PDB file of N, CA and C in Angstrom:
ATOM      1  N   UNK A   1      71.458  62.956 134.947  1.00  0.00           N
ATOM      2  CA  UNK A   1      70.066  62.800 135.087  1.00  0.00           C
ATOM      3  C   UNK A   1      69.812  62.575 136.937  1.00  0.00           C
ATOM      4  N   UNK A   2      68.848  63.331 137.360  1.00  0.00           N
ATOM      5  CA  UNK A   2      68.642  63.233 138.634  1.00  0.00           C
ATOM      6  C   UNK A   2      67.868  61.977 138.918  1.00  0.00           C
ATOM      7  N   UNK A   3      68.007  61.422 140.300  1.00  0.00           N
ATOM      8  CA  UNK A   3      66.979  60.468 140.428  1.00  0.00           C
ATOM      9  C   UNK A   3      65.704  60.791 141.019  1.00  0.00           C
ATOM     10  N   UNK A   4      64.811  61.240 139.936  1.00  0.00           N
ATOM     11  CA  UNK A   4      63.247  61.620 140.521  1.00  0.00           C
ATOM     12  C   UNK A   4      62.540  60.900 139.625  1.00  0.00           C
ATOM     13  N   UNK A   5      60.949  61.150 139.913  1.00  0.00           N
ATOM     14  CA  UNK A   5      60.116  60.812 139.285  1.00  0.00           C
ATOM     15  C   UNK A   5      58.975  61.646 139.145  1.00  0.00           C
ATOM     16  N   UNK A   6      58.315  62.045 138.267  1.00  0.00           N
ATOM     17  CA  UNK A   6      56.996  62.886 138.511  1.00  0.00           C
ATOM     18  C   UNK A   6      55.705  62.524 137.904  1.00  0.00           C
ATOM     19  N   UNK A   7      54.672  63.047 138.549  1.00  0.00           N
ATOM     20  CA  UNK A   7      53.298  62.601 138.146  1.00  0.00           C
ATOM     21  C   UNK A   7      52.335  63.641 138.943  1.00  0.00           C
ATOM     22  N   UNK A   8      51.520  64.163 137.949  1.00  0.00           N
ATOM     23  CA  UNK A   8      50.603  65.245 138.256  1.00  0.00           C
ATOM     24  C   UNK A   8      51.279  66.441 138.875  1.00  0.00           C
ATOM     25  N   UNK A   9      52.580  66.783 138.417  1.00  0.00           N
ATOM     26  CA  UNK A   9      53.063  67.786 138.780  1.00  0.00           C
ATOM     27  C   UNK A   9      53.920  67.533 140.261  1.00  0.00           C
ATOM     28  N   UNK A  10      53.811  66.666 140.732  1.00  0.00           N
ATOM     29  CA  UNK A  10      54.393  66.336 142.146  1.00  0.00           C
ATOM     30  C   UNK A  10      55.703  65.396 141.819  1.00  0.00           C
ATOM     31  N   UNK A  11      56.862  65.719 142.415  1.00  0.00           N
ATOM     32  CA  UNK A  11      57.995  65.068 142.205  1.00  0.00           C
ATOM     33  C   UNK A  11      58.390  64.125 143.459  1.00  0.00           C
ATOM     34  N   UNK A  12      59.008  63.001 143.096  1.00  0.00           N
ATOM     35  CA  UNK A  12      59.291  62.031 144.014  1.00  0.00           C
ATOM     36  C   UNK A  12      61.023  61.996 143.989  1.00  0.00           C
ATOM     37  N   UNK A  13      61.679  61.629 144.969  1.00  0.00           N
ATOM     38  CA  UNK A  13      62.967  61.361 145.089  1.00  0.00           C
ATOM     39  C   UNK A  13      63.327  59.668 144.868  1.00  0.00           C
ATOM     40  N   UNK A  14      64.149  59.281 144.111  1.00  0.00           N
ATOM     41  CA  UNK A  14      64.541  57.877 144.336  1.00  0.00           C
ATOM     42  C   UNK A  14      65.569  57.556 144.863  1.00  0.00           C
ATOM     43  N   UNK A  15      65.828  56.384 145.506  1.00  0.00           N
ATOM     44  CA  UNK A  15      67.066  55.957 146.146  1.00  0.00           C
ATOM     45  C   UNK A  15      67.075  54.529 145.960  1.00  0.00           C
ATOM     46  N   UNK A  16      68.173  53.755 145.840  1.00  0.00           N
ATOM     47  CA  UNK A  16      68.207  52.361 145.947  1.00  0.00           C
ATOM     48  C   UNK A  16      69.083  51.823 147.337  1.00  0.00           C
ATOM     49  N   UNK A  17      68.381  50.627 147.852  1.00  0.00           N
ATOM     50  CA  UNK A  17      69.276  50.455 148.927  1.00  0.00           C
ATOM     51  C   UNK A  17      69.555  48.591 148.370  1.00  0.00           C
ATOM     52  N   UNK A  18      70.879  48.675 148.506  1.00  0.00           N
ATOM     53  CA  UNK A  18      71.644  47.452 147.933  1.00  0.00           C
ATOM     54  C   UNK A  18      71.394  46.342 148.903  1.00  0.00           C
ATOM     55  N   UNK A  19      71.332  46.888 150.274  1.00  0.00           N
ATOM     56  CA  UNK A  19      70.932  46.104 151.563  1.00  0.00           C
ATOM     57  C   UNK A  19      69.768  45.102 151.673  1.00  0.00           C
ATOM     58  N   UNK A  20      68.811  45.991 151.076  1.00  0.00           N
ATOM     59  CA  UNK A  20      67.508  45.605 151.297  1.00  0.00           C
ATOM     60  C   UNK A  20      66.590  45.107 149.770  1.00  0.00           C
ATOM     61  N   UNK A  21      67.620  45.612 148.727  1.00  0.00           N
ATOM     62  CA  UNK A  21      67.524  45.043 147.418  1.00  0.00           C
ATOM     63  C   UNK A  21      65.851  45.824 146.886  1.00  0.00           C
ATOM     64  N   UNK A  22      65.866  47.332 147.147  1.00  0.00           N
ATOM     65  CA  UNK A  22      64.877  47.809 146.852  1.00  0.00           C
ATOM     66  C   UNK A  22      64.976  49.318 146.701  1.00  0.00           C
ATOM     67  N   UNK A  23      63.934  49.814 145.807  1.00  0.00           N
ATOM     68  CA  UNK A  23      64.083  51.288 145.537  1.00  0.00           C
ATOM     69  C   UNK A  23      63.013  51.930 146.718  1.00  0.00           C
ATOM     70  N   UNK A  24      63.300  52.986 146.966  1.00  0.00           N
ATOM     71  CA  UNK A  24      62.446  53.916 147.934  1.00  0.00           C
ATOM     72  C   UNK A  24      62.575  55.433 147.519  1.00  0.00           C
ATOM     73  N   UNK A  25      61.704  56.031 147.980  1.00  0.00           N
ATOM     74  CA  UNK A  25      61.786  57.427 147.829  1.00  0.00           C
ATOM     75  C   UNK A  25      60.702  58.157 148.701  1.00  0.00           C
ATOM     76  N   UNK A  26      60.554  59.578 148.595  1.00  0.00           N
ATOM     77  CA  UNK A  26      59.450  60.200 149.281  1.00  0.00           C
ATOM     78  C   UNK A  26      59.222  61.437 148.519  1.00  0.00           C
ATOM     79  N   UNK A  27      57.784  61.704 148.482  1.00  0.00           N
ATOM     80  CA  UNK A  27      57.116  62.755 147.727  1.00  0.00           C
ATOM     81  C   UNK A  27      57.637  64.137 148.319  1.00  0.00           C
ATOM     82  N   UNK A  28      58.362  64.872 147.580  1.00  0.00           N
ATOM     83  CA  UNK A  28      59.109  66.249 147.787  1.00  0.00           C
ATOM     84  C   UNK A  28      58.267  67.520 147.572  1.00  0.00           C
ATOM     85  N   UNK A  29      58.544  68.483 148.349  1.00  0.00           N
ATOM     86  CA  UNK A  29      57.889  69.603 148.126  1.00  0.00           C
ATOM     87  C   UNK A  29      56.651  69.800 149.037  1.00  0.00           C
ATOM     88  N   UNK A  30      56.415  68.769 150.031  1.00  0.00           N
ATOM     89  CA  UNK A  30      55.241  69.211 150.610  1.00  0.00           C
ATOM     90  C   UNK A  30      55.793  68.856 152.369  1.00  0.00           C
ATOM     91  N   UNK A  31      54.971  69.455 152.881  1.00  0.00           N
ATOM     92  CA  UNK A  31      55.216  69.197 154.390  1.00  0.00           C
ATOM     93  C   UNK A  31      55.044  67.949 155.202  1.00  0.00           C
ATOM     94  N   UNK A  32      54.216  67.425 154.579  1.00  0.00           N
ATOM     95  CA  UNK A  32      54.041  65.805 155.227  1.00  0.00           C
ATOM     96  C   UNK A  32      55.061  64.848 154.514  1.00  0.00           C
ATOM     97  N   UNK A  33      55.324  63.945 155.132  1.00  0.00           N
ATOM     98  CA  UNK A  33      56.013  62.791 155.020  1.00  0.00           C
ATOM     99  C   UNK A  33      55.175  61.716 154.273  1.00  0.00           C
ATOM    100  N   UNK A  34      55.603  61.479 153.047  1.00  0.00           N
ATOM    101  CA  UNK A  34      54.812  60.313 152.246  1.00  0.00           C
ATOM    102  C   UNK A  34      56.076  59.931 151.484  1.00  0.00           C
ATOM    103  N   UNK A  35      55.898  58.446 151.708  1.00  0.00           N
ATOM    104  CA  UNK A  35      57.105  57.511 151.268  1.00  0.00           C
ATOM    105  C   UNK A  35      56.555  56.346 150.174  1.00  0.00           C
ATOM    106  N   UNK A  36      57.219  55.931 149.769  1.00  0.00           N
ATOM    107  CA  UNK A  36      57.065  54.716 148.872  1.00  0.00           C
ATOM    108  C   UNK A  36      58.248  53.948 148.506  1.00  0.00           C
ATOM    109  N   UNK A  37      57.980  52.515 147.992  1.00  0.00           N
ATOM    110  CA  UNK A  37      59.133  51.723 147.850  1.00  0.00           C
ATOM    111  C   UNK A  37      58.622  50.482 146.932  1.00  0.00           C
ATOM    112  N   UNK A  38      59.617  49.895 146.461  1.00  0.00           N
ATOM    113  CA  UNK A  38      59.053  48.685 145.437  1.00  0.00           C
ATOM    114  C   UNK A  38      60.480  48.157 145.052  1.00  0.00           C
ATOM    115  N   UNK A  39      60.367  46.938 144.295  1.00  0.00           N
ATOM    116  CA  UNK A  39      61.683  46.153 144.068  1.00  0.00           C
ATOM    117  C   UNK A  39      61.754  46.202 142.541  1.00  0.00           C
ATOM    118  N   UNK A  40      60.910  46.608 141.451  1.00  0.00           N
ATOM    119  CA  UNK A  40      60.967  46.933 140.390  1.00  0.00           C
ATOM    120  C   UNK A  40      60.674  48.197 139.949  1.00  0.00           C
ATOM    121  N   UNK A  41      61.263  48.821 138.563  1.00  0.00           N
ATOM    122  CA  UNK A  41      61.126  50.278 138.108  1.00  0.00           C
ATOM    123  C   UNK A  41      59.598  50.220 137.915  1.00  0.00           C
ATOM    124  N   UNK A  42      59.016  49.294 137.377  1.00  0.00           N
ATOM    125  CA  UNK A  42      57.403  49.178 136.913  1.00  0.00           C
ATOM    126  C   UNK A  42      56.589  49.396 138.413  1.00  0.00           C
ATOM    127  N   UNK A  43      56.833  48.590 139.477  1.00  0.00           N
ATOM    128  CA  UNK A  43      56.322  48.844 140.719  1.00  0.00           C
ATOM    129  C   UNK A  43      56.416  49.951 141.309  1.00  0.00           C
ATOM    130  N   UNK A  44      57.813  50.596 141.121  1.00  0.00           N
ATOM    131  CA  UNK A  44      58.034  51.628 141.829  1.00  0.00           C
ATOM    132  C   UNK A  44      57.106  52.933 141.361  1.00  0.00           C
ATOM    133  N   UNK A  45      56.943  52.868 140.022  1.00  0.00           N
ATOM    134  CA  UNK A  45      56.142  53.923 139.055  1.00  0.00           C
ATOM    135  C   UNK A  45      54.755  53.953 139.629  1.00  0.00           C
ATOM    136  N   UNK A  46      54.310  52.484 139.710  1.00  0.00           N
ATOM    137  CA  UNK A  46      53.018  52.328 139.918  1.00  0.00           C
ATOM    138  C   UNK A  46      52.684  52.856 141.479  1.00  0.00           C
ATOM    139  N   UNK A  47      53.537  52.622 142.532  1.00  0.00           N
ATOM    140  CA  UNK A  47      53.379  52.831 143.882  1.00  0.00           C
ATOM    141  C   UNK A  47      53.477  54.482 144.079  1.00  0.00           C
ATOM    142  N   UNK A  48      54.478  55.088 143.321  1.00  0.00           N
ATOM    143  CA  UNK A  48      54.641  56.499 143.277  1.00  0.00           C
ATOM    144  C   UNK A  48      53.239  57.222 142.854  1.00  0.00           C
ATOM    145  N   UNK A  49      52.492  56.800 142.031  1.00  0.00           N
ATOM    146  CA  UNK A  49      51.317  57.082 141.424  1.00  0.00           C
ATOM    147  C   UNK A  49      50.406  57.064 142.632  1.00  0.00           C
ATOM    148  N   UNK A  50      50.180  55.692 143.276  1.00  0.00           N
ATOM    149  CA  UNK A  50      49.319  55.597 144.289  1.00  0.00           C
ATOM    150  C   UNK A  50      49.625  56.675 145.492  1.00  0.00           C
ATOM    151  N   UNK A  51      50.629  56.497 145.838  1.00  0.00           N
ATOM    152  CA  UNK A  51      51.024  57.663 147.012  1.00  0.00           C
ATOM    153  C   UNK A  51      50.344  59.064 146.800  1.00  0.00           C
ATOM    154  N   UNK A  52      50.750  59.493 145.415  1.00  0.00           N
ATOM    155  CA  UNK A  52      50.233  60.651 144.738  1.00  0.00           C
ATOM    156  C   UNK A  52      48.823  60.879 145.013  1.00  0.00           C
ATOM    157  N   UNK A  53      48.267  59.755 144.576  1.00  0.00           N
ATOM    158  CA  UNK A  53      46.636  59.898 144.593  1.00  0.00           C
ATOM    159  C   UNK A  53      46.059  59.767 146.083  1.00  0.00           C
ATOM    160  N   UNK A  54      46.660  58.932 146.623  1.00  0.00           N
ATOM    161  CA  UNK A  54      46.222  58.956 148.019  1.00  0.00           C
ATOM    162  C   UNK A  54      46.493  60.369 149.053  1.00  0.00           C
ATOM    163  N   UNK A  55      47.649  60.764 148.729  1.00  0.00           N
ATOM    164  CA  UNK A  55      47.905  62.153 149.269  1.00  0.00           C
ATOM    165  C   UNK A  55      46.931  63.080 148.859  1.00  0.00           C
ATOM    166  N   UNK A  56      46.638  63.347 147.653  1.00  0.00           N
ATOM    167  CA  UNK A  56      45.428  64.517 146.995  1.00  0.00           C
ATOM    168  C   UNK A  56      44.326  64.026 147.829  1.00  0.00           C
ATOM    169  N   UNK A  57      43.778  62.745 147.959  1.00  0.00           N
ATOM    170  CA  UNK A  57      42.654  62.372 148.434  1.00  0.00           C
ATOM    171  C   UNK A  57      42.427  62.395 149.895  1.00  0.00           C
ATOM    172  N   UNK A  58      43.349  62.453 150.527  1.00  0.00           N
ATOM    173  CA  UNK A  58      43.699  62.631 152.057  1.00  0.00           C
ATOM    174  C   UNK A  58      43.581  64.214 152.475  1.00  0.00           C
ATOM    175  N   UNK A  59      44.372  64.768 151.714  1.00  0.00           N
ATOM    176  CA  UNK A  59      44.137  66.365 151.760  1.00  0.00           C
ATOM    177  C   UNK A  59      42.610  66.897 151.408  1.00  0.00           C
ATOM    178  N   UNK A  60      42.183  66.441 150.306  1.00  0.00           N
ATOM    179  CA  UNK A  60      40.684  66.681 150.095  1.00  0.00           C
ATOM    180  C   UNK A  60      39.732  66.407 151.180  1.00  0.00           C
ATOM    181  N   UNK A  61      40.231  65.273 152.211  1.00  0.00           N
ATOM    182  CA  UNK A  61      39.114  64.799 152.856  1.00  0.00           C
ATOM    183  C   UNK A  61      39.547  65.722 154.349  1.00  0.00           C
ATOM    184  N   UNK A  62      40.607  66.277 154.182  1.00  0.00           N
ATOM    185  CA  UNK A  62      41.042  66.848 155.604  1.00  0.00           C
ATOM    186  C   UNK A  62      40.691  68.570 155.258  1.00  0.00           C
ATOM    187  N   UNK A  63      40.472  68.788 153.958  1.00  0.00           N
ATOM    188  CA  UNK A  63      39.880  70.259 153.518  1.00  0.00           C
ATOM    189  C   UNK A  63      41.116  70.942 153.547  1.00  0.00           C
ATOM    190  N   UNK A  64      42.582  70.714 153.227  1.00  0.00           N
ATOM    191  CA  UNK A  64      43.343  71.557 153.222  1.00  0.00           C
ATOM    192  C   UNK A  64      44.453  71.526 151.726  1.00  0.00           C
ATOM    193  N   UNK A  65      45.036  72.461 151.488  1.00  0.00           N
ATOM    194  CA  UNK A  65      45.698  72.457 150.252  1.00  0.00           C
ATOM    195  C   UNK A  65      46.897  71.388 150.206  1.00  0.00           C
ATOM    196  N   UNK A  66      46.936  70.674 149.172  1.00  0.00           N
ATOM    197  CA  UNK A  66      47.877  69.695 149.127  1.00  0.00           C
ATOM    198  C   UNK A  66      49.272  69.728 148.964  1.00  0.00           C
ATOM    199  N   UNK A  67      49.773  70.893 148.370  1.00  0.00           N
ATOM    200  CA  UNK A  67      51.002  71.096 148.256  1.00  0.00           C
ATOM    201  C   UNK A  67      51.519  72.534 149.214  1.00  0.00           C
ATOM    202  N   UNK A  68      52.954  72.526 149.475  1.00  0.00           N
ATOM    203  CA  UNK A  68      53.413  73.553 150.143  1.00  0.00           C
ATOM    204  C   UNK A  68      53.383  74.816 149.604  1.00  0.00           C
ATOM    205  N   UNK A  69      53.121  75.909 150.303  1.00  0.00           N
ATOM    206  CA  UNK A  69      52.861  77.117 149.708  1.00  0.00           C
ATOM    207  C   UNK A  69      54.452  77.850 149.740  1.00  0.00           C
ATOM    208  N   UNK A  70      54.725  78.352 148.769  1.00  0.00           N
ATOM    209  CA  UNK A  70      56.119  78.993 148.686  1.00  0.00           C
ATOM    210  C   UNK A  70      55.942  80.357 148.734  1.00  0.00           C
ATOM    211  N   UNK A  71      56.634  81.141 149.540  1.00  0.00           N
ATOM    212  CA  UNK A  71      56.492  82.624 150.147  1.00  0.00           C
ATOM    213  C   UNK A  71      57.190  83.332 148.934  1.00  0.00           C
ATOM    214  N   UNK A  72      58.241  82.587 148.456  1.00  0.00           N
ATOM    215  CA  UNK A  72      59.192  83.620 147.494  1.00  0.00           C
ATOM    216  C   UNK A  72      60.296  84.022 148.197  1.00  0.00           C
ATOM    217  N   UNK A  73      60.709  83.687 149.360  1.00  0.00           N
ATOM    218  CA  UNK A  73      61.666  84.088 150.004  1.00  0.00           C
ATOM    219  C   UNK A  73      62.699  82.662 150.404  1.00  0.00           C
ATOM    220  N   UNK A  74      63.741  82.935 150.066  1.00  0.00           N
ATOM    221  CA  UNK A  74      64.773  81.853 150.568  1.00  0.00           C
ATOM    222  C   UNK A  74      66.190  82.473 150.752  1.00  0.00           C
ATOM    223  N   UNK A  75      67.208  81.632 151.572  1.00  0.00           N
ATOM    224  CA  UNK A  75      68.380  82.166 151.839  1.00  0.00           C
ATOM    225  C   UNK A  75      69.322  81.457 150.973  1.00  0.00           C
ATOM    226  N   UNK A  76      70.288  81.926 150.267  1.00  0.00           N
ATOM    227  CA  UNK A  76      71.385  81.159 149.618  1.00  0.00           C
ATOM    228  C   UNK A  76      72.678  81.678 150.212  1.00  0.00           C
ATOM    229  N   UNK A  77      73.480  80.582 150.400  1.00  0.00           N
ATOM    230  CA  UNK A  77      74.755  80.592 151.074  1.00  0.00           C
ATOM    231  C   UNK A  77      75.812  80.530 149.923  1.00  0.00           C
ATOM    232  N   UNK A  78      76.637  81.221 149.459  1.00  0.00           N
ATOM    233  CA  UNK A  78      77.533  81.240 148.404  1.00  0.00           C
ATOM    234  C   UNK A  78      78.624  81.668 148.993  1.00  0.00           C
ATOM    235  N   UNK A  79      80.201  81.445 148.192  1.00  0.00           N
ATOM    236  CA  UNK A  79      81.285  82.202 148.469  1.00  0.00           C
ATOM    237  C   UNK A  79      81.410  83.259 148.541  1.00  0.00           C
ATOM    238  N   UNK A  80      82.255  83.969 149.360  1.00  0.00           N
ATOM    239  CA  UNK A  80      82.353  85.682 149.367  1.00  0.00           C
ATOM    240  C   UNK A  80      82.503  86.069 148.022  1.00  0.00           C
ATOM    241  N   UNK A  81      83.874  85.608 147.487  1.00  0.00           N
ATOM    242  CA  UNK A  81      83.854  86.086 145.963  1.00  0.00           C
ATOM    243  C   UNK A  81      82.864  85.816 145.057  1.00  0.00           C
ATOM    244  N   UNK A  82      82.234  84.823 144.936  1.00  0.00           N
ATOM    245  CA  UNK A  82      80.891  84.620 144.057  1.00  0.00           C
ATOM    246  C   UNK A  82      79.871  86.032 144.207  1.00  0.00           C
ATOM    247  N   UNK A  83      79.705  86.161 145.845  1.00  0.00           N
ATOM    248  CA  UNK A  83      79.018  87.154 146.259  1.00  0.00           C
ATOM    249  C   UNK A  83      79.480  88.369 145.684  1.00  0.00           C
ATOM    250  N   UNK A  84      80.496  88.991 145.581  1.00  0.00           N
ATOM    251  CA  UNK A  84      80.965  89.886 145.398  1.00  0.00           C
ATOM    252  C   UNK A  84      80.894  90.381 143.808  1.00  0.00           C
ATOM    253  N   UNK A  85      81.250  89.280 143.111  1.00  0.00           N
ATOM    254  CA  UNK A  85      81.107  89.429 141.526  1.00  0.00           C
ATOM    255  C   UNK A  85      79.818  89.501 141.240  1.00  0.00           C
ATOM    256  N   UNK A  86      78.825  88.912 141.704  1.00  0.00           N
ATOM    257  CA  UNK A  86      77.320  88.928 141.720  1.00  0.00           C
ATOM    258  C   UNK A  86      77.071  90.500 141.746  1.00  0.00           C
ATOM    259  N   UNK A  87      77.470  90.833 143.078  1.00  0.00           N
ATOM    260  CA  UNK A  87      76.836  92.396 143.322  1.00  0.00           C
ATOM    261  C   UNK A  87      77.582  93.231 142.259  1.00  0.00           C
ATOM    262  N   UNK A  88      78.753  93.192 141.903  1.00  0.00           N
ATOM    263  CA  UNK A  88      79.493  93.847 140.928  1.00  0.00           C
ATOM    264  C   UNK A  88      78.739  93.964 139.612  1.00  0.00           C
ATOM    265  N   UNK A  89      77.955  92.661 139.337  1.00  0.00           N
ATOM    266  CA  UNK A  89      77.305  92.562 137.789  1.00  0.00           C
ATOM    267  C   UNK A  89      75.977  93.183 138.239  1.00  0.00           C
ATOM    268  N   UNK A  90      75.457  93.343 139.081  1.00  0.00           N
ATOM    269  CA  UNK A  90      74.265  93.942 139.639  1.00  0.00           C
ATOM    270  C   UNK A  90      74.163  95.390 139.263  1.00  0.00           C
ATOM    271  N   UNK A  91      75.417  95.940 139.939  1.00  0.00           N
ATOM    272  CA  UNK A  91      75.450  97.309 139.922  1.00  0.00           C
ATOM    273  C   UNK A  91      75.870  97.616 138.328  1.00  0.00           C
ATOM    274  N   UNK A  92      76.771  97.053 137.877  1.00  0.00           N
ATOM    275  CA  UNK A  92      76.745  97.539 136.239  1.00  0.00           C
ATOM    276  C   UNK A  92      75.394  97.393 135.552  1.00  0.00           C
ATOM    277  N   UNK A  93      74.631  96.447 135.982  1.00  0.00           N
ATOM    278  CA  UNK A  93      73.494  96.285 135.152  1.00  0.00           C
ATOM    279  C   UNK A  93      72.219  97.541 135.662  1.00  0.00           C
ATOM    280  N   UNK A  94      72.650  98.192 137.037  1.00  0.00           N
ATOM    281  CA  UNK A  94      72.018  99.242 137.476  1.00  0.00           C
ATOM    282  C   UNK A  94      70.651  98.722 138.028  1.00  0.00           C
ATOM    283  N   UNK A  95      70.838  97.429 138.727  1.00  0.00           N
ATOM    284  CA  UNK A  95      69.675  96.751 139.340  1.00  0.00           C
ATOM    285  C   UNK A  95      70.169  96.417 140.828  1.00  0.00           C
ATOM    286  N   UNK A  96      69.112  96.231 141.501  1.00  0.00           N
ATOM    287  CA  UNK A  96      69.685  95.840 142.823  1.00  0.00           C
ATOM    288  C   UNK A  96      70.027  94.266 142.988  1.00  0.00           C
ATOM    289  N   UNK A  97      70.771  93.704 143.939  1.00  0.00           N
ATOM    290  CA  UNK A  97      71.116  92.221 144.093  1.00  0.00           C
ATOM    291  C   UNK A  97      70.176  91.532 143.811  1.00  0.00           C
ATOM    292  N   UNK A  98      68.902  91.928 144.437  1.00  0.00           N
ATOM    293  CA  UNK A  98      67.879  90.895 144.565  1.00  0.00           C
ATOM    294  C   UNK A  98      67.191  90.730 142.951  1.00  0.00           C
ATOM    295  N   UNK A  99      67.169  92.032 142.464  1.00  0.00           N
ATOM    296  CA  UNK A  99      66.731  91.729 141.012  1.00  0.00           C
ATOM    297  C   UNK A  99      67.555  91.020 140.148  1.00  0.00           C
ATOM    298  N   UNK A 100      68.925  91.183 140.184  1.00  0.00           N
ATOM    299  CA  UNK A 100      69.838  90.642 139.507  1.00  0.00           C
ATOM    300  C   UNK A 100      69.658  89.326 139.666  1.00  0.00           C
ATOM    301  N   UNK A 101      69.622  88.526 140.806  1.00  0.00           N
ATOM    302  CA  UNK A 101      69.600  87.344 140.982  1.00  0.00           C
ATOM    303  C   UNK A 101      68.095  86.725 140.685  1.00  0.00           C
ATOM    304  N   UNK A 102      67.043  87.448 140.910  1.00  0.00           N
ATOM    305  CA  UNK A 102      65.765  86.843 140.647  1.00  0.00           C
ATOM    306  C   UNK A 102      65.821  86.824 138.689  1.00  0.00           C
ATOM    307  N   UNK A 103      66.366  87.606 138.346  1.00  0.00           N
ATOM    308  CA  UNK A 103      66.557  87.393 136.621  1.00  0.00           C
ATOM    309  C   UNK A 103      67.448  86.627 136.084  1.00  0.00           C
ATOM    310  N   UNK A 104      68.620  86.340 136.949  1.00  0.00           N
ATOM    311  CA  UNK A 104      69.312  85.081 136.667  1.00  0.00           C
ATOM    312  C   UNK A 104      68.514  83.806 136.778  1.00  0.00           C
ATOM    313  N   UNK A 105      67.882  83.768 138.082  1.00  0.00           N
ATOM    314  CA  UNK A 105      67.129  82.252 138.326  1.00  0.00           C
ATOM    315  C   UNK A 105      65.989  82.168 137.103  1.00  0.00           C
ATOM    316  N   UNK A 106      65.172  83.204 136.670  1.00  0.00           N
ATOM    317  CA  UNK A 106      63.931  83.117 135.860  1.00  0.00           C
ATOM    318  C   UNK A 106      64.689  82.629 134.404  1.00  0.00           C
ATOM    319  N   UNK A 107      65.847  83.194 134.142  1.00  0.00           N
ATOM    320  CA  UNK A 107      66.473  82.906 132.753  1.00  0.00           C
ATOM    321  C   UNK A 107      67.029  81.371 132.803  1.00  0.00           C
ATOM    322  N   UNK A 108      67.521  80.942 133.998  1.00  0.00           N
ATOM    323  CA  UNK A 108      67.981  79.547 134.187  1.00  0.00           C
ATOM    324  C   UNK A 108      66.852  78.421 133.927  1.00  0.00           C
ATOM    325  N   UNK A 109      65.645  78.935 134.517  1.00  0.00           N
ATOM    326  CA  UNK A 109      64.532  78.031 134.443  1.00  0.00           C
ATOM    327  C   UNK A 109      63.621  78.093 133.499  1.00  0.00           C
ATOM    328  N   UNK A 110      63.936  79.284 132.410  1.00  0.00           N
ATOM    329  CA  UNK A 110      62.915  79.429 131.584  1.00  0.00           C
ATOM    330  C   UNK A 110      61.598  80.122 131.908  1.00  0.00           C
ATOM    331  N   UNK A 111      61.362  81.149 133.213  1.00  0.00           N
ATOM    332  CA  UNK A 111      60.189  81.625 133.248  1.00  0.00           C
ATOM    333  C   UNK A 111      60.512  83.021 132.863  1.00  0.00           C
TER     334      UNK A 111
END
C-alpha cells in the first residue's frame, strides 16, 4: 500500500517524522510546492483537503490552470536486456517499440 491520500482527483504523498512526531506530505503532480502536516490521521486528512481547496482557489484567483499539463512524452530507463526483450516482443507483434510500450502501459492501468 502506497503512502498517499486523494481528494478531488489530487494525490498527496504522506511521510512520518519520528523526530518531530508528525505526519507530513506534499501535493503531487503539480509544479508548485504545496505541503501539509498533522499529528493525527484525522487532522492529516483535514489539512490535506484544506490545502487542495486553497490551491484551487489560489489558481482561480491567479487565472491559471491548477494542475500540471502532461505532454505525453517521458523517458524510461531500463536494463539493456529488458530493452532488448521488449523490442523483440514489439517486432513479433508487428508494432513499433513506442506502440508496444503504450499498449502495455494502457493495459496496466486499465485505460
